[in-house]
């Protein structure tokens, strides 16, 4: 009976067929769905040897970092603005399918007293010309998700480091492409996981590094954010290229039954647990609720505006999905994702150790045993364990903005590493490991929450790779300019 049940679950379905998150709706599955699910498992296996270990790799120093931006929407425009405040940065290239977006970025440069950048405006392939231009040492990508890896690969092949907004990749194939291209070209491929640079996450990471937590046992993270406004932010032009999400792409992504946005909650936990640097994820199992809200909202919007009738009948993901992950050292991680329930924003960020406990949402607190640290105790912990990056640029980051300053600290840290020949905090293995949760969760959800192995993108190097070293910030020399004139109003902070 156990064997038959296991075999039965193996034929679970994808998006509308087979085993769905709400229950066993059918034991049949279309050939295309079967192929898609099997491909996820097949693509997770890669027996090629590691070409070069990018973890801990310090690329040659660059006194000035020539930066090109691809995708200048809400996130991209905010990134352009932030980079104008960082010493040693020259913004040399701007790329978007919309001339108006590039014009807006040029205005940001002009207001900062910086020279105009070369423009690359055209169809969706125009980024290739930017990446081949030789104008950039770093290509910064803030496009819709489907373009992250194509732009990143073109950048590395063109001789530039690349930084990709989250999630870095959508498929297992893309994860391996990032890894193998970064190793071959020896160019960094950095996932722009800004939540790793939020103040509480940095504090708790440094406390872990100092042994305050003892051995970590369990971590929880999430992206719980009601995106109703952005899902239905209707474009005003005929080509649907304005609004928060070009061509309503964020709403369309809700058709995939997977955790399509895992890294905000996962990234800080992985750094604390030294994933890829002394430990690794072994396997995960995933589950998803039914959709109780989004399909109804679409119908409501369609009654108000015929524009939204095209989305009625979409085969939508459920509200909440969860992934349970076990690491090689026996630690556990719980990740949650929900963008359509009417509830308060939360990333949870919980770390539980043998000596200490910390959680950020809904109430920020640190505890030793049963006793929660009071306000005076929290101030003492901050004074003692706040890492150097916060002491150096934290207040400036708050002035510049970007999710309370964490966006700016992320950008500043990346530039400082490249200018000083330091290893980056988030390398290509992190980009691949954190992003692969999407296809892996898709497979597990479609197959009755069966466990699935998480690939080792380091190919065994995780055993000897060194943890992220926050003390390296002490060697940084990058300054900040014109902060008194900072105005973060350009950033809508969608994500």
Protein backbone atom coordinates (compact mmCIF):
# COMPACT_ATOMS: atom_id res chain seq x y z
CA UNK A 1 0.00 0.00 0.00
CA UNK A 2 2.80 2.41 0.83
CA UNK A 3 4.55 1.67 -2.44
CA UNK A 4 1.38 2.11 -4.48
CA UNK A 5 0.58 5.37 -2.73
CA UNK A 6 4.07 6.69 -3.42
CA UNK A 7 3.80 5.77 -7.11
CA UNK A 8 0.39 7.41 -7.28
CA UNK A 9 1.71 10.71 -5.97
CA UNK A 10 4.51 10.68 -8.52
CA UNK A 11 2.03 11.32 -11.32
CA UNK A 12 0.65 14.47 -9.66
CA UNK A 13 -0.32 17.34 -11.93
CA UNK A 14 0.58 20.90 -12.86
CA UNK A 15 -1.69 23.96 -13.09
CA UNK A 16 -5.16 22.55 -13.31
CA UNK A 17 -4.43 18.83 -13.64
CA UNK A 18 -3.41 16.11 -11.23
CA UNK A 19 -2.79 16.80 -7.56
CA UNK A 20 -3.52 20.42 -6.75
CA UNK A 21 -2.94 22.21 -3.50
CA UNK A 22 -6.62 22.06 -2.58
CA UNK A 23 -6.81 18.26 -2.77
CA UNK A 24 -6.71 15.26 -5.11
CA UNK A 25 -8.75 16.53 -8.03
CA UNK A 26 -7.55 14.12 -10.71
CA UNK A 27 -5.06 11.35 -11.23
CA UNK A 28 -4.63 12.28 -14.89
CA UNK A 29 -2.12 14.73 -16.24
CA UNK A 30 -1.47 16.20 -19.66
CA UNK A 31 1.70 15.11 -21.47
CA UNK A 32 3.02 18.70 -21.41
CA UNK A 33 2.43 18.95 -17.66
CA UNK A 34 4.15 15.62 -17.06
CA UNK A 35 7.09 16.73 -19.17
CA UNK A 36 7.38 20.06 -17.35
CA UNK A 37 7.38 18.40 -13.94
CA UNK A 38 9.87 15.73 -14.95
CA UNK A 39 12.14 18.36 -16.48
CA UNK A 40 12.45 20.11 -13.12
CA UNK A 41 13.85 16.94 -11.56
CA UNK A 42 16.04 16.18 -14.57
CA UNK A 43 17.44 19.72 -14.71
CA UNK A 44 18.32 19.62 -11.02
CA UNK A 45 20.97 17.02 -11.81
CA UNK A 46 24.20 18.42 -13.23
CA UNK A 47 27.31 16.28 -13.10
CA UNK A 48 29.67 18.81 -14.67
CA UNK A 49 32.67 19.58 -12.44
CA UNK A 50 33.09 22.99 -10.88
CA UNK A 51 35.15 25.15 -13.25
CA UNK A 52 36.19 27.71 -10.64
CA UNK A 53 35.00 28.38 -7.11
CA UNK A 54 33.32 31.80 -7.09
CA UNK A 55 32.66 31.67 -3.34
CA UNK A 56 35.30 33.84 -1.68
CA UNK A 57 36.64 34.99 -5.04
CA UNK A 58 38.02 38.52 -4.97
CA UNK A 59 37.91 40.00 -8.46
CA UNK A 60 40.66 42.47 -9.42
CA UNK A 61 40.18 45.91 -7.89
CA UNK A 62 38.43 48.58 -9.92
CA UNK A 63 39.05 52.17 -8.86
CA UNK A 64 35.90 53.29 -10.65
CA UNK A 65 32.87 51.11 -11.35
CA UNK A 66 31.15 51.87 -14.65
CA UNK A 67 27.53 50.83 -14.16
CA UNK A 68 24.89 50.14 -16.79
CA UNK A 69 21.23 49.74 -15.89
CA UNK A 70 18.80 47.47 -17.72
CA UNK A 71 15.16 48.00 -16.79
CA UNK A 72 14.32 51.44 -15.41
CA UNK A 73 10.92 51.03 -13.82
CA UNK A 74 10.20 51.53 -10.14
CA UNK A 75 13.12 49.43 -8.89
CA UNK A 76 15.50 50.48 -11.64
CA UNK A 77 14.88 54.19 -11.23
CA UNK A 78 15.43 53.88 -7.49
CA UNK A 79 18.72 52.06 -8.10
CA UNK A 80 19.93 54.78 -10.47
CA UNK A 81 19.11 57.38 -7.84
CA UNK A 82 20.94 55.50 -5.08
CA UNK A 83 24.05 54.94 -7.18
CA UNK A 84 24.43 58.69 -7.73
CA UNK A 85 25.36 58.99 -4.04
CA UNK A 86 28.13 56.38 -4.05
CA UNK A 87 31.70 57.48 -4.69
CA UNK A 88 33.58 55.68 -7.41
CA UNK A 89 30.46 55.02 -9.51
CA UNK A 90 30.09 56.23 -13.09
CA UNK A 91 26.67 55.57 -14.58
CA UNK A 92 27.60 54.96 -18.19
CA UNK A 93 24.62 53.22 -19.81
CA UNK A 94 20.84 53.11 -19.53
CA UNK A 95 18.60 50.56 -21.23
CA UNK A 96 14.83 50.20 -21.39
CA UNK A 97 12.17 49.53 -24.00
CA UNK A 98 10.65 52.92 -23.13
CA UNK A 99 12.29 56.20 -24.04
CA UNK A 100 10.37 57.92 -21.25
CA UNK A 101 11.98 55.63 -18.66
CA UNK A 102 15.46 56.41 -19.95
CA UNK A 103 14.62 60.12 -20.02
CA UNK A 104 13.62 59.90 -16.37
CA UNK A 105 16.93 58.29 -15.46
CA UNK A 106 18.86 60.94 -17.39
CA UNK A 107 17.03 63.56 -15.37
CA UNK A 108 18.20 61.87 -12.15
CA UNK A 109 21.79 62.05 -13.39
CA UNK A 110 21.41 65.69 -14.36
CA UNK A 111 19.99 66.63 -10.97
CA UNK A 112 22.96 64.90 -9.33
CA UNK A 113 25.39 66.89 -11.48
CA UNK A 114 26.55 63.80 -13.36
CA UNK A 115 27.08 63.41 -17.12
CA UNK A 116 24.50 61.80 -19.36
CA UNK A 117 24.75 58.07 -19.94
CA UNK A 118 24.67 56.35 -23.32
CA UNK A 119 21.15 55.26 -24.18
CA UNK A 120 20.03 51.84 -25.37
CA UNK A 121 16.35 52.03 -26.27
CA UNK A 122 14.52 49.65 -28.55
CA UNK A 123 12.99 46.20 -28.42
CA UNK A 124 13.36 43.64 -25.66
CA UNK A 125 16.74 42.49 -27.03
CA UNK A 126 18.41 45.90 -26.82
CA UNK A 127 20.16 44.89 -23.61
CA UNK A 128 22.50 42.76 -25.71
CA UNK A 129 23.95 45.89 -27.30
CA UNK A 130 24.57 47.42 -23.88
CA UNK A 131 26.28 44.27 -22.62
CA UNK A 132 28.48 44.07 -25.71
CA UNK A 133 29.37 47.77 -25.69
CA UNK A 134 32.35 47.53 -23.32
CA UNK A 135 30.96 50.52 -21.42
CA UNK A 136 30.22 48.70 -18.17
CA UNK A 137 32.07 46.97 -15.37
CA UNK A 138 28.74 46.12 -13.73
CA UNK A 139 25.34 45.56 -15.34
CA UNK A 140 22.51 46.15 -12.88
CA UNK A 141 19.25 44.45 -13.88
CA UNK A 142 15.78 45.42 -12.67
CA UNK A 143 13.62 44.03 -15.45
CA UNK A 144 10.62 41.69 -15.23
CA UNK A 145 11.77 38.32 -13.92
CA UNK A 146 11.93 36.53 -17.27
CA UNK A 147 14.80 38.79 -18.41
CA UNK A 148 17.04 38.55 -15.33
CA UNK A 149 19.11 35.60 -16.47
CA UNK A 150 19.31 36.54 -20.18
CA UNK A 151 20.65 39.96 -19.22
CA UNK A 152 22.99 38.52 -16.61
CA UNK A 153 24.46 35.97 -19.02
CA UNK A 154 24.98 38.62 -21.70
CA UNK A 155 26.68 40.88 -19.17
CA UNK A 156 29.13 38.23 -18.01
CA UNK A 157 29.87 37.14 -21.57
CA UNK A 158 30.49 40.81 -22.37
CA UNK A 159 33.11 41.07 -19.63
CA UNK A 160 31.07 42.69 -16.85
CA UNK A 161 29.96 41.63 -13.41
CA UNK A 162 26.20 41.47 -13.06
CA UNK A 163 23.68 42.18 -10.33
CA UNK A 164 20.19 40.71 -10.70
CA UNK A 165 17.04 41.75 -8.90
CA UNK A 166 15.16 39.02 -7.05
CA UNK A 167 14.42 36.35 -7.79
CA UNK A 168 17.48 35.93 -9.94
CA UNK A 169 16.19 32.95 -11.94
CA UNK A 170 12.85 31.31 -12.72
CA UNK A 171 13.94 27.83 -13.82
CA UNK A 172 16.46 25.19 -12.85
CA UNK A 173 18.14 25.50 -16.22
CA UNK A 174 18.63 29.22 -15.63
CA UNK A 175 20.17 28.53 -12.22
CA UNK A 176 22.82 26.27 -13.73
CA UNK A 177 23.43 28.70 -16.61
CA UNK A 178 24.20 31.46 -14.10
CA UNK A 179 26.58 29.23 -12.16
CA UNK A 180 28.49 27.85 -15.12
CA UNK A 181 28.80 31.21 -16.87
CA UNK A 182 30.01 32.96 -13.71
CA UNK A 183 32.59 30.23 -13.08
CA UNK A 184 33.84 30.25 -16.67
CA UNK A 185 34.08 34.02 -17.04
CA UNK A 186 35.12 34.67 -13.41
CA UNK A 187 32.55 37.44 -13.26
CA UNK A 188 30.39 37.92 -10.21
CA UNK A 189 26.67 37.23 -10.52
CA UNK A 190 25.13 38.88 -7.46
CA UNK A 191 21.52 38.51 -6.41
CA UNK A 192 20.21 41.86 -5.21
CA UNK A 193 18.62 40.54 -2.03
CA UNK A 194 18.17 43.81 -0.16
CA UNK A 195 16.65 42.17 2.92
CA UNK A 196 20.07 40.74 3.80
CA UNK A 197 21.03 44.36 4.51
CA UNK A 198 18.14 45.41 6.71
CA UNK A 199 19.23 46.59 10.14
CA UNK A 200 17.77 43.82 12.30
CA UNK A 201 18.90 41.09 9.91
CA UNK A 202 22.47 42.44 9.96
CA UNK A 203 22.41 42.70 13.75
CA UNK A 204 21.25 39.12 14.22
CA UNK A 205 23.70 37.85 11.60
CA UNK A 206 26.59 39.44 13.47
CA UNK A 207 25.29 38.01 16.74
CA UNK A 208 25.29 34.56 15.12
CA UNK A 209 28.87 35.16 13.96
CA UNK A 210 29.87 36.10 17.52
CA UNK A 211 28.37 32.89 18.92
CA UNK A 212 25.50 34.55 20.81
CA UNK A 213 22.90 32.17 19.36
CA UNK A 214 24.95 29.05 20.08
CA UNK A 215 24.05 26.47 17.43
CA UNK A 216 21.23 27.53 15.13
CA UNK A 217 18.36 25.05 15.14
CA UNK A 218 15.60 26.56 13.04
CA UNK A 219 14.80 29.61 10.95
CA UNK A 220 11.64 31.08 9.43
CA UNK A 221 11.24 33.68 6.74
CA UNK A 222 8.52 34.93 4.45
CA UNK A 223 7.25 37.32 1.87
CA UNK A 224 3.72 38.09 3.04
CA UNK A 225 2.59 41.23 1.27
CA UNK A 226 -0.88 42.08 -0.02
CA UNK A 227 -0.07 43.28 -3.54
CA UNK A 228 -3.66 44.09 -4.49
CA UNK A 229 -2.80 47.64 -5.57
CA UNK A 230 0.10 46.54 -7.76
CA UNK A 231 -1.65 43.51 -9.20
CA UNK A 232 -4.35 45.82 -10.53
CA UNK A 233 -2.30 48.90 -11.33
CA UNK A 234 -3.79 49.34 -14.78
CA UNK A 235 -1.48 50.71 -17.51
CA UNK A 236 -2.70 53.89 -19.16
CA UNK A 237 -1.05 53.54 -22.55
CA UNK A 238 -2.10 51.17 -25.34
CA UNK A 239 1.15 49.18 -25.24
CA UNK A 240 0.69 48.56 -21.49
CA UNK A 241 4.25 49.73 -20.79
CA UNK A 242 3.56 52.14 -17.93
CA UNK A 243 2.42 51.40 -14.41
CA UNK A 244 4.24 49.51 -11.68
CA UNK A 245 4.43 46.28 -13.70
CA UNK A 246 4.82 46.50 -17.47
CA UNK A 247 2.11 44.58 -19.34
CA UNK A 248 0.65 43.47 -15.99
CA UNK A 249 3.42 40.90 -15.72
CA UNK A 250 3.24 40.61 -11.93
CA UNK A 251 -0.42 39.54 -12.11
CA UNK A 252 0.43 37.01 -14.83
CA UNK A 253 3.12 35.46 -12.62
CA UNK A 254 0.37 34.40 -10.21
CA UNK A 255 -0.54 31.61 -12.62
CA UNK A 256 2.48 29.60 -11.50
CA UNK A 257 1.79 27.27 -8.58
CA UNK A 258 5.10 27.79 -6.82
CA UNK A 259 6.84 30.15 -4.45
CA UNK A 260 7.74 32.62 -7.15
CA UNK A 261 9.38 35.06 -4.72
CA UNK A 262 11.25 33.15 -2.00
CA UNK A 263 14.44 35.11 -1.43
CA UNK A 264 13.38 38.01 0.85
CA UNK A 265 12.74 35.63 3.72
CA UNK A 266 15.23 32.97 2.73
CA UNK A 267 18.38 35.02 2.06
CA UNK A 268 19.07 36.32 5.59
CA UNK A 269 18.41 32.86 7.08
CA UNK A 270 20.79 31.20 4.62
CA UNK A 271 23.52 33.66 5.52
CA UNK A 272 22.99 33.02 9.24
CA UNK A 273 23.06 29.24 8.69
CA UNK A 274 26.10 29.39 6.37
CA UNK A 275 24.26 27.73 3.50
CA UNK A 276 26.82 27.01 0.74
CA UNK A 277 29.52 27.89 3.30
CA UNK A 278 29.68 25.02 5.77
CA UNK A 279 26.13 23.72 5.39
CA UNK A 280 23.75 23.15 2.50
CA UNK A 281 20.06 22.52 1.88
CA UNK A 282 19.41 18.82 1.43
CA UNK A 283 15.73 18.68 0.45
CA UNK A 284 12.43 20.52 0.67
CA UNK A 285 8.74 19.77 0.67
CA UNK A 286 6.11 22.33 -0.35
CA UNK A 287 2.37 22.88 0.04
CA UNK A 288 -0.05 25.51 -1.25
CA UNK A 289 -3.54 26.58 -0.20
CA UNK A 290 -6.40 27.14 -2.61
CA UNK A 291 -7.03 30.65 -3.95
CA UNK A 292 -9.70 32.25 -1.79
CA UNK A 293 -9.30 35.88 -2.86
CA UNK A 294 -7.54 36.68 -6.13
CA UNK A 295 -10.03 35.17 -8.56
CA UNK A 296 -12.82 37.03 -6.77
CA UNK A 297 -10.90 40.32 -6.94
CA UNK A 298 -10.43 39.87 -10.67
CA UNK A 299 -14.15 39.36 -11.15
CA UNK A 300 -14.87 42.47 -9.06
CA UNK A 301 -12.40 44.53 -11.08
CA UNK A 302 -13.89 43.23 -14.35
CA UNK A 303 -17.34 44.47 -13.27
CA UNK A 304 -15.85 47.92 -12.66
CA UNK A 305 -13.67 48.04 -15.78
CA UNK A 306 -13.91 45.87 -18.95
CA UNK A 307 -10.10 45.96 -19.20
CA UNK A 308 -9.85 43.32 -16.48
CA UNK A 309 -12.20 40.88 -18.25
CA UNK A 310 -9.16 39.39 -20.01
CA UNK A 311 -7.93 38.06 -16.66
CA UNK A 312 -11.18 36.34 -15.62
CA UNK A 313 -10.72 32.61 -15.74
CA UNK A 314 -6.95 32.69 -15.21
CA UNK A 315 -5.68 29.49 -13.58
CA UNK A 316 -4.30 31.11 -10.46
CA UNK A 317 -1.96 30.05 -7.67
CA UNK A 318 -3.32 29.76 -4.14
CA UNK A 319 -2.97 32.37 -1.44
CA UNK A 320 -0.38 30.81 0.86
CA UNK A 321 2.44 28.48 -0.04
CA UNK A 322 5.02 27.04 2.34
CA UNK A 323 8.33 25.25 1.97
CA UNK A 324 9.94 23.17 4.69
CA UNK A 325 13.66 22.68 4.16
CA UNK A 326 16.14 20.43 5.98
CA UNK A 327 19.84 21.14 5.83
CA UNK A 328 22.77 18.74 5.80
CA UNK A 329 23.55 19.59 9.43
CA UNK A 330 19.99 18.87 10.51
CA UNK A 331 18.69 22.42 10.75
CA UNK A 332 15.21 23.27 9.49
CA UNK A 333 13.85 26.27 7.60
CA UNK A 334 10.24 27.31 6.99
CA UNK A 335 9.52 29.75 4.16
CA UNK A 336 6.10 31.29 3.48
CA UNK A 337 4.79 33.28 0.53
CA UNK A 338 1.43 35.04 0.19
CA UNK A 339 0.71 38.11 -1.95
CA UNK A 340 -3.10 38.03 -2.10
CA UNK A 341 -4.45 37.73 1.46
CA UNK A 342 -5.63 40.85 3.34
CA UNK A 343 -3.14 40.72 6.18
CA UNK A 344 -0.23 42.82 7.50
CA UNK A 345 3.13 42.76 5.78
CA UNK A 346 5.63 40.31 7.24
CA UNK A 347 8.99 38.72 6.44
CA UNK A 348 8.99 36.96 9.85
CA UNK A 349 12.81 36.66 10.05
CA UNK A 350 13.05 34.25 12.93
CA UNK A 351 16.22 32.56 14.15
CA UNK A 352 16.14 29.99 16.94
CA UNK A 353 19.37 28.79 18.49
CA UNK A 354 20.51 26.81 21.51
CA UNK A 355 21.20 30.04 23.43
CA UNK A 356 19.20 32.84 21.80
CA UNK A 357 16.01 33.54 19.85
CA UNK A 358 15.16 36.48 17.59
CA UNK A 359 12.14 37.45 15.53
CA UNK A 360 11.39 40.63 13.61
CA UNK A 361 7.71 40.43 12.65
CA UNK A 362 5.11 41.21 13.92
CA UNK A 363 6.97 42.37 17.06
CA UNK A 364 10.72 42.82 16.94
CA UNK A 365 12.34 41.06 19.86
CA UNK A 366 15.32 39.04 21.04
CA UNK A 367 15.08 36.53 23.86
CA UNK A 368 17.38 34.40 25.97
CA UNK A 369 15.29 31.47 27.14
CA UNK A 370 11.81 32.61 28.22
CA UNK A 371 12.88 36.18 28.90
CA UNK A 372 12.48 38.78 26.17
CA UNK A 373 15.13 41.48 26.23
CA UNK A 374 13.75 44.87 27.27
CA UNK A 375 14.40 48.17 25.49
CA UNK A 376 17.55 48.91 27.46
CA UNK A 377 18.86 45.43 26.73
CA UNK A 378 18.13 45.84 23.03
CA UNK A 379 20.10 49.07 22.98
CA UNK A 380 23.01 47.28 24.65
CA UNK A 381 22.90 44.50 22.05
CA UNK A 382 22.89 47.04 19.24
CA UNK A 383 25.79 48.91 20.75
CA UNK A 384 27.82 45.74 21.12
CA UNK A 385 26.89 43.74 18.02
CA UNK A 386 25.79 46.22 15.37
CA UNK A 387 28.10 45.45 12.42
CA UNK A 388 30.53 47.91 10.92
CA UNK A 389 28.49 48.52 7.76
CA UNK A 390 25.65 50.00 9.82
CA UNK A 391 28.03 52.16 11.83
CA UNK A 392 29.68 53.38 8.65
CA UNK A 393 26.78 54.06 6.30
CA UNK A 394 23.59 53.25 8.23
CA UNK A 395 22.51 56.82 8.92
CA UNK A 396 23.41 57.91 5.40
CA UNK A 397 21.41 54.97 4.07
CA UNK A 398 18.33 56.11 5.95
CA UNK A 399 18.67 59.55 4.37
CA UNK A 400 19.09 58.19 0.85
CA UNK A 401 16.24 55.74 1.36
CA UNK A 402 15.16 52.56 -0.31
CA UNK A 403 13.11 50.41 2.06
CA UNK A 404 14.41 52.28 5.07
CA UNK A 405 18.02 52.26 3.87
CA UNK A 406 18.68 48.57 3.22
CA UNK A 407 18.65 49.10 -0.56
CA UNK A 408 21.39 51.69 -0.29
CA UNK A 409 23.53 49.56 2.04
CA UNK A 410 23.24 46.68 -0.44
CA UNK A 411 24.38 48.87 -3.34
CA UNK A 412 27.14 50.53 -1.32
CA UNK A 413 28.48 47.19 -0.13
CA UNK A 414 28.57 45.76 -3.67
CA UNK A 415 30.45 48.76 -5.03
CA UNK A 416 32.87 48.76 -2.09
CA UNK A 417 33.65 45.08 -2.65
CA UNK A 418 34.34 45.63 -6.35
CA UNK A 419 36.48 48.71 -5.70
CA UNK A 420 38.56 47.04 -2.99
CA UNK A 421 38.91 43.56 -4.39
CA UNK A 422 36.78 41.94 -1.67
CA UNK A 423 34.64 38.82 -2.07
CA UNK A 424 30.97 39.68 -2.53
CA UNK A 425 28.52 38.78 0.22
CA UNK A 426 26.06 37.09 -2.15
CA UNK A 427 27.68 35.07 -4.93
CA UNK A 428 26.29 33.09 -7.84
CA UNK A 429 25.75 29.99 -5.70
CA UNK A 430 23.48 32.00 -3.43
CA UNK A 431 21.64 33.39 -6.45
CA UNK A 432 21.04 29.86 -7.76
CA UNK A 433 20.25 28.19 -4.43
CA UNK A 434 17.81 30.83 -3.26
CA UNK A 435 16.12 31.07 -6.67
CA UNK A 436 15.79 27.32 -7.28
CA UNK A 437 13.16 27.19 -4.53
CA UNK A 438 10.70 28.33 -7.21
CA UNK A 439 10.92 25.30 -9.54
CA UNK A 440 11.50 22.88 -6.66
CA UNK A 441 8.39 24.10 -4.83
CA UNK A 442 6.45 23.89 -8.08
CA UNK A 443 7.37 20.22 -8.42
CA UNK A 444 6.61 19.38 -4.79
CA UNK A 445 3.25 21.19 -4.79
CA UNK A 446 2.25 19.43 -8.01
CA UNK A 447 3.24 16.06 -6.57
CA UNK A 448 1.34 16.02 -3.30
CA UNK A 449 4.08 17.74 -1.25
CA UNK A 450 6.64 15.05 -1.97
CA UNK A 451 10.19 15.96 -0.90
CA UNK A 452 12.63 16.92 -3.60
CA UNK A 453 16.40 17.22 -3.35
CA UNK A 454 17.97 20.67 -3.51
CA UNK A 455 20.92 20.72 -5.95
CA UNK A 456 24.39 21.51 -4.66
CA UNK A 457 25.43 24.32 -6.98
CA UNK A 458 28.85 24.49 -5.30
CA UNK A 459 29.48 20.84 -6.26
CA UNK A 460 30.87 19.97 -2.86
CA UNK A 461 32.78 23.20 -2.21
CA UNK A 462 30.25 24.12 0.50
CA UNK A 463 32.22 21.94 2.91
CA UNK A 464 35.22 24.29 2.86
CA UNK A 465 33.78 27.63 1.73
CA UNK A 466 34.11 30.35 4.36
CA UNK A 467 31.05 32.14 5.81
CA UNK A 468 30.17 35.71 4.87
CA UNK A 469 32.64 37.89 6.78
CA UNK A 470 31.12 41.16 7.93
CA UNK A 471 34.46 42.29 9.32
CA UNK A 472 35.76 42.75 5.78
CA UNK A 473 33.85 46.00 5.70
CA UNK A 474 36.65 47.52 7.78
CA UNK A 475 38.85 47.53 4.68
CA UNK A 476 36.32 49.47 2.64
CA UNK A 477 37.19 52.94 1.41
CA UNK A 478 34.12 53.93 -0.58
CA UNK A 479 32.49 57.16 0.52
CA UNK A 480 29.11 58.76 -0.05
CA UNK A 481 28.47 62.04 -1.83
CA UNK A 482 25.67 64.64 -1.83
CA UNK A 483 23.65 62.83 0.84
CA UNK A 484 22.22 66.08 2.19
CA UNK A 485 20.40 66.48 -1.12
CA UNK A 486 18.97 62.95 -1.01
CA UNK A 487 15.35 62.61 -2.03
CA UNK A 488 14.05 59.06 -2.10
CA UNK A 489 10.63 60.01 -3.43
CA UNK A 490 11.56 58.55 -6.81
CA UNK A 491 11.29 55.07 -5.32
CA UNK A 492 7.85 53.53 -5.05
CA UNK A 493 9.29 50.50 -3.22
CA UNK A 494 6.96 48.02 -4.85
CA UNK A 495 8.82 44.96 -3.60
